Amino acid sequence: MDDDAKLDPLRQVLNLLPHRYPLLLVDRVVELEGERVVTIKNVTFNEPFFGGHFPGNPVMPGVLIVESMAQSGAILALSHLGEGQSRPLFVLTGLDKVRFRRRVIPGDQLRIEVKLLRYRRPLWRMAGEARVGEEVAAEAELSAMELEVPSP
């Protein structure tokens, strides 16, 4: 497999989201259909937050797990909007029913599933769940809003 083929899943994410490293928290879109998206975040030891969270006992911060759900939700919402002249920016406006069930550590792979609950543009409501293997690591209901931003 050539290098371009290996990067295709990442290019797909980069084309959809405005986020960039170190705050891009989605590595790949696995499924995107209808009202559901499944994404992957590979958690590696060289993530910048592990240096201080916590030295000798690295744990992915819960807020970043929720951010990976929010980014996955933005991918789902953008897929509903289709191709257009300008793409809105999605900003997180609320979190409900947030629960952390398992530590996420280097070497884990987060499988994030986000389902659309309802939307009435510009407001969106989704349910997210992040798993490591068969175990639920975190779950939340997310609210987001579209913002129109001028093209650079």
C-alpha atoms as a PDB file:
ATOM      1  CA  MET A   1       0.000   0.000   0.000  1.00  0.00           C
ATOM      2  CA  ASP A   2       1.451   3.372  -0.944  1.00  0.00           C
ATOM      3  CA  ASP A   3       1.650   6.315   1.476  1.00  0.00           C
ATOM      4  CA  ASP A   4      -1.259   8.165  -0.160  1.00  0.00           C
ATOM      5  CA  ALA A   5      -3.574   5.175   0.321  1.00  0.00           C
ATOM      6  CA  LYS A   6      -2.599   5.004   4.001  1.00  0.00           C
ATOM      7  CA  LEU A   7      -3.472   8.676   4.470  1.00  0.00           C
ATOM      8  CA  ASP A   8      -6.860   8.579   2.738  1.00  0.00           C
ATOM      9  CA  PRO A   9      -8.856   8.023   5.973  1.00  0.00           C
ATOM     10  CA  LEU A  10      -7.000  10.881   7.642  1.00  0.00           C
ATOM     11  CA  ARG A  11      -7.467  13.140   4.609  1.00  0.00           C
ATOM     12  CA  GLN A  12     -11.199  12.427   4.808  1.00  0.00           C
ATOM     13  CA  VAL A  13     -11.260  13.692   8.403  1.00  0.00           C
ATOM     14  CA  LEU A  14      -9.047  16.702   7.598  1.00  0.00           C
ATOM     15  CA  ASN A  15     -11.358  17.664   4.731  1.00  0.00           C
ATOM     16  CA  LEU A  16     -14.392  17.625   7.043  1.00  0.00           C
ATOM     17  CA  LEU A  17     -13.107  19.191  10.261  1.00  0.00           C
ATOM     18  CA  PRO A  18     -11.260  22.456  10.838  1.00  0.00           C
ATOM     19  CA  HIS A  19      -9.361  20.928  13.791  1.00  0.00           C
ATOM     20  CA  ARG A  20      -5.655  20.181  13.506  1.00  0.00           C
ATOM     21  CA  TYR A  21      -3.086  18.473  15.706  1.00  0.00           C
ATOM     22  CA  PRO A  22      -2.894  18.475  18.681  1.00  0.00           C
ATOM     23  CA  LEU A  23      -6.663  19.044  18.974  1.00  0.00           C
ATOM     24  CA  LEU A  24      -7.777  16.795  16.127  1.00  0.00           C
ATOM     25  CA  LEU A  25      -9.182  13.855  18.089  1.00  0.00           C
ATOM     26  CA  VAL A  26     -10.611  11.716  15.288  1.00  0.00           C
ATOM     27  CA  ASP A  27      -8.263   9.561  13.202  1.00  0.00           C
ATOM     28  CA  ARG A  28     -10.686   7.752  10.939  1.00  0.00           C
ATOM     29  CA  VAL A  29     -14.344   7.539   9.926  1.00  0.00           C
ATOM     30  CA  VAL A  30     -15.390   3.876   9.981  1.00  0.00           C
ATOM     31  CA  GLU A  31     -19.114   4.228   9.222  1.00  0.00           C
ATOM     32  CA  LEU A  32     -21.197   7.194   8.152  1.00  0.00           C
ATOM     33  CA  GLU A  33     -24.784   6.484   7.271  1.00  0.00           C
ATOM     34  CA  GLY A  34     -28.076   8.193   7.884  1.00  0.00           C
ATOM     35  CA  GLU A  35     -28.254   9.347  11.464  1.00  0.00           C
ATOM     36  CA  ARG A  36     -25.131   7.615  12.786  1.00  0.00           C
ATOM     37  CA  VAL A  37     -21.351   7.894  12.564  1.00  0.00           C
ATOM     38  CA  VAL A  38     -18.615   5.629  13.942  1.00  0.00           C
ATOM     39  CA  THR A  39     -15.089   6.993  14.232  1.00  0.00           C
ATOM     40  CA  ILE A  40     -11.758   5.851  15.650  1.00  0.00           C
ATOM     41  CA  LYS A  41      -9.275   7.681  17.875  1.00  0.00           C
ATOM     42  CA  ASN A  42      -5.996   5.811  18.396  1.00  0.00           C
ATOM     43  CA  VAL A  43      -4.623   6.801  21.775  1.00  0.00           C
ATOM     44  CA  THR A  44      -0.822   6.846  21.730  1.00  0.00           C
ATOM     45  CA  PHE A  45       1.734   7.506  24.432  1.00  0.00           C
ATOM     46  CA  ASN A  46       3.094  10.544  22.580  1.00  0.00           C
ATOM     47  CA  GLU A  47      -0.164  12.521  22.953  1.00  0.00           C
ATOM     48  CA  PRO A  48       0.845  15.920  24.391  1.00  0.00           C
ATOM     49  CA  PHE A  49      -1.536  15.710  27.374  1.00  0.00           C
ATOM     50  CA  PHE A  50       0.002  12.515  28.801  1.00  0.00           C
ATOM     51  CA  GLY A  51       3.096  14.413  30.009  1.00  0.00           C
ATOM     52  CA  GLY A  52       1.061  16.065  32.741  1.00  0.00           C
ATOM     53  CA  HIS A  53      -2.037  13.845  33.057  1.00  0.00           C
ATOM     54  CA  PHE A  54      -0.637  12.024  35.031  1.00  0.00           C
ATOM     55  CA  PRO A  55       3.154  11.490  35.188  1.00  0.00           C
ATOM     56  CA  GLY A  56       3.785   7.774  35.679  1.00  0.00           C
ATOM     57  CA  ASN A  57       0.086   6.952  35.304  1.00  0.00           C
ATOM     58  CA  PRO A  58      -1.108   8.387  31.960  1.00  0.00           C
ATOM     59  CA  VAL A  59      -4.879   8.822  31.575  1.00  0.00           C
ATOM     60  CA  MET A  60      -6.657  10.548  28.685  1.00  0.00           C
ATOM     61  CA  PRO A  61      -8.578  13.521  30.117  1.00  0.00           C
ATOM     62  CA  GLY A  62     -12.326  12.981  30.074  1.00  0.00           C
ATOM     63  CA  VAL A  63     -12.909  16.363  28.480  1.00  0.00           C
ATOM     64  CA  LEU A  64     -10.855  15.216  25.462  1.00  0.00           C
ATOM     65  CA  ILE A  65     -12.876  12.017  25.186  1.00  0.00           C
ATOM     66  CA  VAL A  66     -16.010  14.166  25.057  1.00  0.00           C
ATOM     67  CA  GLU A  67     -14.318  16.451  22.510  1.00  0.00           C
ATOM     68  CA  SER A  68     -13.674  13.407  20.289  1.00  0.00           C
ATOM     69  CA  MET A  69     -17.427  12.701  20.479  1.00  0.00           C
ATOM     70  CA  ALA A  70     -18.172  16.329  19.574  1.00  0.00           C
ATOM     71  CA  GLN A  71     -15.833  16.184  16.562  1.00  0.00           C
ATOM     72  CA  SER A  72     -17.490  12.943  15.462  1.00  0.00           C
ATOM     73  CA  GLY A  73     -20.871  14.643  15.834  1.00  0.00           C
ATOM     74  CA  ALA A  74     -19.690  17.510  13.626  1.00  0.00           C
ATOM     75  CA  ILE A  75     -18.756  14.973  10.940  1.00  0.00           C
ATOM     76  CA  LEU A  76     -22.265  13.495  11.176  1.00  0.00           C
ATOM     77  CA  ALA A  77     -23.929  16.914  10.976  1.00  0.00           C
ATOM     78  CA  LEU A  78     -21.790  17.989   8.023  1.00  0.00           C
ATOM     79  CA  SER A  79     -22.781  14.818   6.195  1.00  0.00           C
ATOM     80  CA  HIS A  80     -26.426  15.877   6.564  1.00  0.00           C
ATOM     81  CA  LEU A  81     -25.715  19.275   5.080  1.00  0.00           C
ATOM     82  CA  GLY A  82     -23.989  17.920   2.001  1.00  0.00           C
ATOM     83  CA  GLU A  83     -21.618  19.827  -0.223  1.00  0.00           C
ATOM     84  CA  GLY A  84     -22.116  23.546  -0.346  1.00  0.00           C
ATOM     85  CA  GLN A  85     -20.415  26.854  -0.928  1.00  0.00           C
ATOM     86  CA  SER A  86     -19.530  27.327   2.728  1.00  0.00           C
ATOM     87  CA  ARG A  87     -19.456  24.906   5.590  1.00  0.00           C
ATOM     88  CA  PRO A  88     -20.603  26.087   8.989  1.00  0.00           C
ATOM     89  CA  LEU A  89     -18.441  25.761  12.059  1.00  0.00           C
ATOM     90  CA  PHE A  90     -20.005  23.557  14.730  1.00  0.00           C
ATOM     91  CA  VAL A  91     -19.551  24.676  18.321  1.00  0.00           C
ATOM     92  CA  LEU A  92     -20.440  22.661  21.365  1.00  0.00           C
ATOM     93  CA  THR A  93     -23.183  24.386  23.355  1.00  0.00           C
ATOM     94  CA  GLY A  94     -24.093  21.820  25.988  1.00  0.00           C
ATOM     95  CA  LEU A  95     -23.398  18.472  27.590  1.00  0.00           C
ATOM     96  CA  ASP A  96     -25.874  16.325  29.465  1.00  0.00           C
ATOM     97  CA  LYS A  97     -25.807  12.887  31.040  1.00  0.00           C
ATOM     98  CA  VAL A  98     -22.009  12.723  30.857  1.00  0.00           C
ATOM     99  CA  ARG A  99     -20.606   9.577  32.430  1.00  0.00           C
ATOM    100  CA  PHE A 100     -17.061   8.248  32.504  1.00  0.00           C
ATOM    101  CA  ARG A 101     -16.989   4.491  32.971  1.00  0.00           C
ATOM    102  CA  ARG A 102     -13.418   3.415  32.226  1.00  0.00           C
ATOM    103  CA  ARG A 103      -9.937   4.948  32.085  1.00  0.00           C
ATOM    104  CA  VAL A 104      -8.505   5.497  28.620  1.00  0.00           C
ATOM    105  CA  ILE A 105      -4.753   4.918  28.507  1.00  0.00           C
ATOM    106  CA  PRO A 106      -1.983   4.797  25.877  1.00  0.00           C
ATOM    107  CA  GLY A 107      -2.480   1.891  23.494  1.00  0.00           C
ATOM    108  CA  ASP A 108      -6.282   2.020  23.703  1.00  0.00           C
ATOM    109  CA  GLN A 109      -8.379   2.552  20.616  1.00  0.00           C
ATOM    110  CA  LEU A 110     -11.532   4.599  21.138  1.00  0.00           C
ATOM    111  CA  ARG A 111     -14.439   3.582  18.953  1.00  0.00           C
ATOM    112  CA  ILE A 112     -16.815   6.525  19.028  1.00  0.00           C
ATOM    113  CA  GLU A 113     -20.426   6.195  17.966  1.00  0.00           C
ATOM    114  CA  VAL A 114     -22.621   9.268  17.667  1.00  0.00           C
ATOM    115  CA  LYS A 115     -26.316   9.186  16.818  1.00  0.00           C
ATOM    116  CA  LEU A 116     -28.442  12.120  15.777  1.00  0.00           C
ATOM    117  CA  LEU A 117     -31.316  12.665  18.194  1.00  0.00           C
ATOM    118  CA  ARG A 118     -32.827  15.735  16.526  1.00  0.00           C
ATOM    119  CA  TYR A 119     -31.935  18.920  14.756  1.00  0.00           C
ATOM    120  CA  ARG A 120     -33.542  22.112  13.689  1.00  0.00           C
ATOM    121  CA  ARG A 121     -30.897  24.199  12.063  1.00  0.00           C
ATOM    122  CA  PRO A 122     -28.826  25.744  13.474  1.00  0.00           C
ATOM    123  CA  LEU A 123     -29.270  23.584  16.619  1.00  0.00           C
ATOM    124  CA  TRP A 124     -28.264  19.917  16.840  1.00  0.00           C
ATOM    125  CA  ARG A 125     -28.708  17.270  19.556  1.00  0.00           C
ATOM    126  CA  MET A 126     -26.773  13.978  19.542  1.00  0.00           C
ATOM    127  CA  ALA A 127     -25.938  11.024  21.769  1.00  0.00           C
ATOM    128  CA  GLY A 128     -22.355   9.793  21.902  1.00  0.00           C
ATOM    129  CA  GLU A 129     -20.627   6.751  23.295  1.00  0.00           C
ATOM    130  CA  ALA A 130     -16.899   5.981  23.356  1.00  0.00           C
ATOM    131  CA  ARG A 131     -15.793   2.360  23.798  1.00  0.00           C
ATOM    132  CA  VAL A 132     -12.505   0.590  24.269  1.00  0.00           C
ATOM    133  CA  GLY A 133     -13.127  -2.918  23.008  1.00  0.00           C
ATOM    134  CA  GLU A 134     -16.456  -3.983  24.495  1.00  0.00           C
ATOM    135  CA  GLU A 135     -16.225  -1.615  27.474  1.00  0.00           C
ATOM    136  CA  VAL A 136     -17.950   1.773  27.535  1.00  0.00           C
ATOM    137  CA  ALA A 137     -15.368   4.419  28.411  1.00  0.00           C
ATOM    138  CA  ALA A 138     -17.693   7.445  28.275  1.00  0.00           C
ATOM    139  CA  GLU A 139     -21.143   8.528  27.170  1.00  0.00           C
ATOM    140  CA  ALA A 140     -22.847  11.882  26.781  1.00  0.00           C
ATOM    141  CA  GLU A 141     -25.620  13.822  25.123  1.00  0.00           C
ATOM    142  CA  LEU A 142     -24.213  16.732  23.141  1.00  0.00           C
ATOM    143  CA  SER A 143     -25.779  19.947  21.918  1.00  0.00           C
ATOM    144  CA  ALA A 144     -24.159  21.971  19.163  1.00  0.00           C
ATOM    145  CA  MET A 145     -24.871  25.007  17.051  1.00  0.00           C
ATOM    146  CA  GLU A 146     -23.852  25.950  13.525  1.00  0.00           C
ATOM    147  CA  LEU A 147     -22.007  29.214  13.076  1.00  0.00           C
ATOM    148  CA  GLU A 148     -21.466  30.783   9.696  1.00  0.00           C
ATOM    149  CA  VAL A 149     -17.886  31.908   9.355  1.00  0.00           C
ATOM    150  CA  PRO A 150     -16.407  33.917   6.511  1.00  0.00           C
ATOM    151  CA  SER A 151     -14.047  32.092   4.163  1.00  0.00           C
ATOM    152  CA  PRO A 152     -10.365  32.881   4.757  1.00  0.00           C
END
